[in-house]
PDB file of N, CA and C in Angstrom:
ATOM      1  N   MET A   1      -5.085 -45.636 -42.292  1.00  0.00           N
ATOM      2  CA  MET A   1      -4.058 -44.986 -41.505  1.00  0.00           C
ATOM      3  C   MET A   1      -3.531 -43.830 -42.349  1.00  0.00           C
ATOM      4  N   PRO A   2      -3.500 -42.642 -41.607  1.00  0.00           N
ATOM      5  CA  PRO A   2      -3.056 -41.425 -42.325  1.00  0.00           C
ATOM      6  C   PRO A   2      -1.486 -41.346 -42.668  1.00  0.00           C
ATOM      7  N   ASP A   3      -1.235 -40.637 -43.720  1.00  0.00           N
ATOM      8  CA  ASP A   3       0.243 -40.545 -44.026  1.00  0.00           C
ATOM      9  C   ASP A   3       0.729 -39.780 -42.801  1.00  0.00           C
ATOM     10  N   LEU A   4       1.933 -40.054 -42.480  1.00  0.00           N
ATOM     11  CA  LEU A   4       2.760 -39.460 -41.377  1.00  0.00           C
ATOM     12  C   LEU A   4       3.986 -38.676 -41.786  1.00  0.00           C
ATOM     13  N   THR A   5       4.288 -37.611 -41.241  1.00  0.00           N
ATOM     14  CA  THR A   5       5.391 -36.852 -41.582  1.00  0.00           C
ATOM     15  C   THR A   5       6.151 -36.485 -40.216  1.00  0.00           C
ATOM     16  N   PHE A   6       7.497 -36.126 -40.280  1.00  0.00           N
ATOM     17  CA  PHE A   6       8.198 -35.846 -39.103  1.00  0.00           C
ATOM     18  C   PHE A   6       7.791 -34.456 -38.565  1.00  0.00           C
ATOM     19  N   ASN A   7       7.501 -34.159 -37.325  1.00  0.00           N
ATOM     20  CA  ASN A   7       7.131 -32.859 -36.720  1.00  0.00           C
ATOM     21  C   ASN A   7       8.355 -32.377 -36.153  1.00  0.00           C
ATOM     22  N   GLY A   8       9.049 -31.433 -36.848  1.00  0.00           N
ATOM     23  CA  GLY A   8      10.314 -30.736 -36.435  1.00  0.00           C
ATOM     24  C   GLY A   8      10.094 -29.930 -35.161  1.00  0.00           C
ATOM     25  N   PRO A   9       8.989 -29.214 -35.128  1.00  0.00           N
ATOM     26  CA  PRO A   9       8.775 -28.375 -33.964  1.00  0.00           C
ATOM     27  C   PRO A   9       8.666 -29.114 -32.642  1.00  0.00           C
ATOM     28  N   ALA A  10       8.108 -30.334 -32.814  1.00  0.00           N
ATOM     29  CA  ALA A  10       7.957 -31.247 -31.666  1.00  0.00           C
ATOM     30  C   ALA A  10       9.334 -31.784 -31.222  1.00  0.00           C
ATOM     31  N   LEU A  11      10.260 -32.036 -32.118  1.00  0.00           N
ATOM     32  CA  LEU A  11      11.711 -32.391 -31.811  1.00  0.00           C
ATOM     33  C   LEU A  11      12.299 -31.215 -31.064  1.00  0.00           C
ATOM     34  N   ARG A  12      12.196 -30.049 -31.565  1.00  0.00           N
ATOM     35  CA  ARG A  12      12.794 -28.827 -30.850  1.00  0.00           C
ATOM     36  C   ARG A  12      12.237 -28.799 -29.478  1.00  0.00           C
ATOM     37  N   SER A  13      10.962 -28.910 -29.294  1.00  0.00           N
ATOM     38  CA  SER A  13      10.434 -28.807 -27.967  1.00  0.00           C
ATOM     39  C   SER A  13      10.878 -29.855 -27.021  1.00  0.00           C
ATOM     40  N   ALA A  14      11.028 -31.087 -27.546  1.00  0.00           N
ATOM     41  CA  ALA A  14      11.527 -32.077 -26.736  1.00  0.00           C
ATOM     42  C   ALA A  14      12.923 -31.986 -26.342  1.00  0.00           C
ATOM     43  N   ARG A  15      13.601 -31.521 -27.366  1.00  0.00           N
ATOM     44  CA  ARG A  15      15.085 -31.275 -27.036  1.00  0.00           C
ATOM     45  C   ARG A  15      15.316 -30.249 -25.991  1.00  0.00           C
ATOM     46  N   ARG A  16      14.486 -29.288 -26.155  1.00  0.00           N
ATOM     47  CA  ARG A  16      14.605 -28.247 -25.156  1.00  0.00           C
ATOM     48  C   ARG A  16      14.124 -28.597 -23.752  1.00  0.00           C
ATOM     49  N   ARG A  17      13.171 -29.316 -23.738  1.00  0.00           N
ATOM     50  CA  ARG A  17      12.669 -29.842 -22.355  1.00  0.00           C
ATOM     51  C   ARG A  17      13.687 -30.714 -21.845  1.00  0.00           C
ATOM     52  N   ALA A  18      14.414 -31.452 -22.636  1.00  0.00           N
ATOM     53  CA  ALA A  18      15.507 -32.442 -22.204  1.00  0.00           C
ATOM     54  C   ALA A  18      16.739 -31.583 -21.866  1.00  0.00           C
ATOM     55  N   ARG A  19      16.812 -30.296 -22.212  1.00  0.00           N
ATOM     56  CA  ARG A  19      17.918 -29.533 -21.990  1.00  0.00           C
ATOM     57  C   ARG A  19      19.261 -30.102 -22.736  1.00  0.00           C
ATOM     58  N   ILE A  20      18.935 -30.519 -24.025  1.00  0.00           N
ATOM     59  CA  ILE A  20      20.029 -30.858 -24.845  1.00  0.00           C
ATOM     60  C   ILE A  20      20.498 -29.967 -25.946  1.00  0.00           C
ATOM     61  N   PRO A  21      21.714 -29.559 -25.920  1.00  0.00           N
ATOM     62  CA  PRO A  21      21.999 -28.621 -27.074  1.00  0.00           C
ATOM     63  C   PRO A  21      21.926 -29.349 -28.379  1.00  0.00           C
ATOM     64  N   ALA A  22      21.694 -28.430 -29.513  1.00  0.00           N
ATOM     65  CA  ALA A  22      21.530 -29.178 -30.753  1.00  0.00           C
ATOM     66  C   ALA A  22      22.707 -29.756 -31.189  1.00  0.00           C
ATOM     67  N   THR A  23      23.963 -29.360 -30.704  1.00  0.00           N
ATOM     68  CA  THR A  23      25.247 -29.916 -31.144  1.00  0.00           C
ATOM     69  C   THR A  23      25.329 -31.315 -30.494  1.00  0.00           C
ATOM     70  N   ARG A  24      25.066 -31.531 -29.388  1.00  0.00           N
ATOM     71  CA  ARG A  24      25.014 -32.748 -28.572  1.00  0.00           C
ATOM     72  C   ARG A  24      24.079 -33.773 -29.151  1.00  0.00           C
ATOM     73  N   LEU A  25      22.911 -33.310 -29.506  1.00  0.00           N
ATOM     74  CA  LEU A  25      21.891 -34.130 -30.151  1.00  0.00           C
ATOM     75  C   LEU A  25      22.425 -34.593 -31.524  1.00  0.00           C
ATOM     76  N   ALA A  26      23.045 -33.643 -32.333  1.00  0.00           N
ATOM     77  CA  ALA A  26      23.474 -34.004 -33.642  1.00  0.00           C
ATOM     78  C   ALA A  26      24.698 -35.080 -33.459  1.00  0.00           C
ATOM     79  N   ARG A  27      25.478 -34.920 -32.634  1.00  0.00           N
ATOM     80  CA  ARG A  27      26.557 -35.830 -32.357  1.00  0.00           C
ATOM     81  C   ARG A  27      26.078 -37.173 -32.045  1.00  0.00           C
ATOM     82  N   ALA A  28      25.179 -37.174 -31.125  1.00  0.00           N
ATOM     83  CA  ALA A  28      24.479 -38.535 -30.726  1.00  0.00           C
ATOM     84  C   ALA A  28      23.850 -39.243 -31.682  1.00  0.00           C
ATOM     85  N   ALA A  29      23.282 -38.491 -32.746  1.00  0.00           N
ATOM     86  CA  ALA A  29      22.456 -39.165 -33.825  1.00  0.00           C
ATOM     87  C   ALA A  29      23.402 -39.394 -35.009  1.00  0.00           C
ATOM     88  N   GLY A  30      24.620 -38.890 -34.935  1.00  0.00           N
ATOM     89  CA  GLY A  30      25.639 -39.216 -36.116  1.00  0.00           C
ATOM     90  C   GLY A  30      25.272 -38.190 -37.195  1.00  0.00           C
ATOM     91  N   ARG A  31      24.724 -37.017 -36.871  1.00  0.00           N
ATOM     92  CA  ARG A  31      24.362 -36.041 -37.988  1.00  0.00           C
ATOM     93  C   ARG A  31      25.201 -34.642 -37.541  1.00  0.00           C
ATOM     94  N   THR A  32      25.059 -33.769 -38.506  1.00  0.00           N
ATOM     95  CA  THR A  32      25.564 -32.412 -38.278  1.00  0.00           C
ATOM     96  C   THR A  32      24.548 -31.632 -37.487  1.00  0.00           C
ATOM     97  N   GLU A  33      24.975 -30.543 -36.860  1.00  0.00           N
ATOM     98  CA  GLU A  33      23.970 -29.589 -36.299  1.00  0.00           C
ATOM     99  C   GLU A  33      23.142 -29.039 -37.268  1.00  0.00           C
ATOM    100  N   ARG A  34      23.693 -28.660 -38.398  1.00  0.00           N
ATOM    101  CA  ARG A  34      22.922 -28.168 -39.474  1.00  0.00           C
ATOM    102  C   ARG A  34      21.697 -29.140 -39.864  1.00  0.00           C
ATOM    103  N   SER A  35      21.948 -30.410 -39.865  1.00  0.00           N
ATOM    104  CA  SER A  35      20.921 -31.284 -40.246  1.00  0.00           C
ATOM    105  C   SER A  35      19.809 -31.275 -39.095  1.00  0.00           C
ATOM    106  N   VAL A  36      20.286 -31.281 -37.877  1.00  0.00           N
ATOM    107  CA  VAL A  36      19.401 -31.221 -36.806  1.00  0.00           C
ATOM    108  C   VAL A  36      18.344 -29.919 -36.855  1.00  0.00           C
ATOM    109  N   ARG A  37      19.037 -28.922 -37.104  1.00  0.00           N
ATOM    110  CA  ARG A  37      18.286 -27.647 -37.263  1.00  0.00           C
ATOM    111  C   ARG A  37      17.258 -27.739 -38.533  1.00  0.00           C
ATOM    112  N   GLY A  38      17.825 -28.386 -39.523  1.00  0.00           N
ATOM    113  CA  GLY A  38      16.751 -28.515 -40.671  1.00  0.00           C
ATOM    114  C   GLY A  38      15.673 -29.467 -40.289  1.00  0.00           C
ATOM    115  N   TYR A  39      15.952 -30.451 -39.475  1.00  0.00           N
ATOM    116  CA  TYR A  39      14.871 -31.366 -39.034  1.00  0.00           C
ATOM    117  C   TYR A  39      13.758 -30.525 -38.147  1.00  0.00           C
ATOM    118  N   GLU A  40      14.407 -29.697 -37.236  1.00  0.00           N
ATOM    119  CA  GLU A  40      13.579 -28.913 -36.292  1.00  0.00           C
ATOM    120  C   GLU A  40      12.691 -27.888 -37.056  1.00  0.00           C
ATOM    121  N   THR A  41      13.226 -27.295 -38.130  1.00  0.00           N
ATOM    122  CA  THR A  41      12.425 -26.342 -38.726  1.00  0.00           C
ATOM    123  C   THR A  41      11.407 -26.968 -39.847  1.00  0.00           C
ATOM    124  N   GLY A  42      11.668 -28.177 -39.974  1.00  0.00           N
ATOM    125  CA  GLY A  42      10.706 -28.883 -41.007  1.00  0.00           C
ATOM    126  C   GLY A  42      11.168 -28.700 -42.449  1.00  0.00           C
ATOM    127  N   ASN A  43      12.347 -28.148 -42.659  1.00  0.00           N
ATOM    128  CA  ASN A  43      12.941 -27.968 -43.998  1.00  0.00           C
ATOM    129  C   ASN A  43      13.503 -29.318 -44.572  1.00  0.00           C
ATOM    130  N   VAL A  44      13.712 -30.264 -43.602  1.00  0.00           N
ATOM    131  CA  VAL A  44      14.449 -31.564 -44.107  1.00  0.00           C
ATOM    132  C   VAL A  44      13.741 -32.650 -43.173  1.00  0.00           C
ATOM    133  N   GLN A  45      13.381 -33.803 -43.884  1.00  0.00           N
ATOM    134  CA  GLN A  45      12.754 -34.985 -43.256  1.00  0.00           C
ATOM    135  C   GLN A  45      13.850 -35.931 -43.020  1.00  0.00           C
ATOM    136  N   PRO A  46      14.102 -36.314 -41.699  1.00  0.00           N
ATOM    137  CA  PRO A  46      15.053 -37.368 -41.420  1.00  0.00           C
ATOM    138  C   PRO A  46      14.726 -38.727 -41.899  1.00  0.00           C
ATOM    139  N   PRO A  47      15.558 -39.594 -42.278  1.00  0.00           N
ATOM    140  CA  PRO A  47      15.321 -40.973 -42.417  1.00  0.00           C
ATOM    141  C   PRO A  47      14.615 -41.586 -41.150  1.00  0.00           C
ATOM    142  N   ILE A  48      13.845 -42.569 -41.262  1.00  0.00           N
ATOM    143  CA  ILE A  48      13.071 -43.174 -40.082  1.00  0.00           C
ATOM    144  C   ILE A  48      14.059 -43.593 -39.015  1.00  0.00           C
ATOM    145  N   ARG A  49      15.232 -44.201 -39.452  1.00  0.00           N
ATOM    146  CA  ARG A  49      16.172 -44.619 -38.447  1.00  0.00           C
ATOM    147  C   ARG A  49      16.632 -43.554 -37.554  1.00  0.00           C
ATOM    148  N   ILE A  50      16.990 -42.385 -38.360  1.00  0.00           N
ATOM    149  CA  ILE A  50      17.609 -41.195 -37.653  1.00  0.00           C
ATOM    150  C   ILE A  50      16.429 -40.585 -36.817  1.00  0.00           C
ATOM    151  N   ALA A  51      15.122 -40.490 -37.225  1.00  0.00           N
ATOM    152  CA  ALA A  51      14.229 -40.064 -36.401  1.00  0.00           C
ATOM    153  C   ALA A  51      13.890 -40.790 -35.140  1.00  0.00           C
ATOM    154  N   ALA A  52      14.025 -42.075 -35.148  1.00  0.00           N
ATOM    155  CA  ALA A  52      14.000 -42.967 -34.094  1.00  0.00           C
ATOM    156  C   ALA A  52      15.092 -42.653 -33.059  1.00  0.00           C
ATOM    157  N   ARG A  53      16.237 -42.435 -33.623  1.00  0.00           N
ATOM    158  CA  ARG A  53      17.507 -42.230 -32.795  1.00  0.00           C
ATOM    159  C   ARG A  53      17.319 -40.789 -32.099  1.00  0.00           C
ATOM    160  N   LEU A  54      16.781 -39.872 -32.933  1.00  0.00           N
ATOM    161  CA  LEU A  54      16.544 -38.541 -32.285  1.00  0.00           C
ATOM    162  C   LEU A  54      15.561 -38.685 -31.081  1.00  0.00           C
ATOM    163  N   ALA A  55      14.516 -39.270 -31.311  1.00  0.00           N
ATOM    164  CA  ALA A  55      13.448 -39.502 -30.429  1.00  0.00           C
ATOM    165  C   ALA A  55      14.053 -40.069 -29.057  1.00  0.00           C
ATOM    166  N   ALA A  56      14.851 -41.288 -29.366  1.00  0.00           N
ATOM    167  CA  ALA A  56      15.349 -41.877 -28.070  1.00  0.00           C
ATOM    168  C   ALA A  56      16.382 -40.913 -27.352  1.00  0.00           C
ATOM    169  N   GLU A  57      17.165 -40.114 -28.102  1.00  0.00           N
ATOM    170  CA  GLU A  57      18.027 -39.188 -27.361  1.00  0.00           C
ATOM    171  C   GLU A  57      17.420 -38.055 -26.594  1.00  0.00           C
ATOM    172  N   VAL A  58      16.312 -37.723 -27.124  1.00  0.00           N
ATOM    173  CA  VAL A  58      15.476 -36.577 -26.310  1.00  0.00           C
ATOM    174  C   VAL A  58      14.471 -37.210 -25.384  1.00  0.00           C
ATOM    175  N   GLY A  59      14.387 -38.504 -25.349  1.00  0.00           N
ATOM    176  CA  GLY A  59      13.516 -39.134 -24.335  1.00  0.00           C
ATOM    177  C   GLY A  59      12.095 -39.175 -24.621  1.00  0.00           C
ATOM    178  N   VAL A  60      11.586 -39.329 -25.887  1.00  0.00           N
ATOM    179  CA  VAL A  60      10.282 -39.344 -26.221  1.00  0.00           C
ATOM    180  C   VAL A  60      10.150 -40.632 -27.079  1.00  0.00           C
ATOM    181  N   ASP A  61       8.838 -41.104 -27.184  1.00  0.00           N
ATOM    182  CA  ASP A  61       8.565 -42.130 -28.225  1.00  0.00           C
ATOM    183  C   ASP A  61       8.559 -41.510 -29.586  1.00  0.00           C
ATOM    184  N   LEU A  62       8.933 -42.274 -30.570  1.00  0.00           N
ATOM    185  CA  LEU A  62       8.983 -41.775 -32.041  1.00  0.00           C
ATOM    186  C   LEU A  62       7.576 -41.251 -32.416  1.00  0.00           C
ATOM    187  N   VAL A  63       6.554 -41.894 -31.997  1.00  0.00           N
ATOM    188  CA  VAL A  63       5.130 -41.361 -32.415  1.00  0.00           C
ATOM    189  C   VAL A  63       4.946 -39.997 -31.810  1.00  0.00           C
ATOM    190  N   GLU A  64       5.586 -39.498 -30.899  1.00  0.00           N
ATOM    191  CA  GLU A  64       5.443 -38.077 -30.470  1.00  0.00           C
ATOM    192  C   GLU A  64       6.087 -36.987 -31.403  1.00  0.00           C
ATOM    193  N   LEU A  65       6.859 -37.602 -32.256  1.00  0.00           N
ATOM    194  CA  LEU A  65       7.582 -36.791 -33.343  1.00  0.00           C
ATOM    195  C   LEU A  65       6.925 -36.806 -34.583  1.00  0.00           C
ATOM    196  N   LEU A  66       5.817 -37.468 -34.730  1.00  0.00           N
ATOM    197  CA  LEU A  66       5.027 -37.658 -36.041  1.00  0.00           C
ATOM    198  C   LEU A  66       3.822 -36.936 -35.989  1.00  0.00           C
ATOM    199  N   ALA A  67       3.392 -36.503 -37.128  1.00  0.00           N
ATOM    200  CA  ALA A  67       2.146 -35.834 -37.297  1.00  0.00           C
ATOM    201  C   ALA A  67       1.442 -36.324 -38.646  1.00  0.00           C
ATOM    202  N   PRO A  68       0.174 -36.209 -38.743  1.00  0.00           N
ATOM    203  CA  PRO A  68      -0.484 -36.524 -39.965  1.00  0.00           C
ATOM    204  C   PRO A  68       0.125 -35.474 -41.120  1.00  0.00           C
ATOM    205  N   ALA A  69       0.417 -36.032 -42.219  1.00  0.00           N
ATOM    206  CA  ALA A  69       1.083 -35.190 -43.334  1.00  0.00           C
ATOM    207  C   ALA A  69       0.196 -34.023 -43.667  1.00  0.00           C
ATOM    208  N   ASP A  70      -1.124 -34.070 -43.720  1.00  0.00           N
ATOM    209  CA  ASP A  70      -1.884 -33.130 -44.129  1.00  0.00           C
ATOM    210  C   ASP A  70      -1.999 -32.001 -43.028  1.00  0.00           C
ATOM    211  N   GLU A  71      -1.893 -32.342 -41.699  1.00  0.00           N
ATOM    212  CA  GLU A  71      -1.913 -31.548 -40.639  1.00  0.00           C
ATOM    213  C   GLU A  71      -0.582 -30.525 -40.670  1.00  0.00           C
ATOM    214  N   ARG A  72       0.577 -31.172 -40.952  1.00  0.00           N
ATOM    215  CA  ARG A  72       1.825 -30.344 -40.925  1.00  0.00           C
ATOM    216  C   ARG A  72       1.743 -29.375 -42.200  1.00  0.00           C
ATOM    217  N   ARG A  73       1.066 -29.689 -43.189  1.00  0.00           N
ATOM    218  CA  ARG A  73       1.003 -28.752 -44.421  1.00  0.00           C
ATOM    219  C   ARG A  73       0.080 -27.646 -43.980  1.00  0.00           C
ATOM    220  N   ALA A  74      -0.918 -27.921 -43.248  1.00  0.00           N
ATOM    221  CA  ALA A  74      -1.960 -26.864 -42.853  1.00  0.00           C
ATOM    222  C   ALA A  74      -1.327 -25.992 -41.811  1.00  0.00           C
ATOM    223  N   GLY A  75      -0.313 -26.374 -41.029  1.00  0.00           N
ATOM    224  CA  GLY A  75      -0.041 -25.582 -39.892  1.00  0.00           C
ATOM    225  C   GLY A  75       1.402 -25.288 -39.986  1.00  0.00           C
TER     226      GLY A  75
END
């Protein structure tokens, strides 16, 4: 099984499709808007429990917000 990492751009896309402002997502996940922006840009990796909460809030399965670690480094 490949190493997986959080795919921030996938979170941003899902959030936008769900029409959820970053401030609302942050509040629902118990995080700051700055943290959510960090997750979306890939500068910060959320803990798995937060990643699961973010996925639930934007209406996707957690696996949709994960990518092979080497794929994220390449792209």
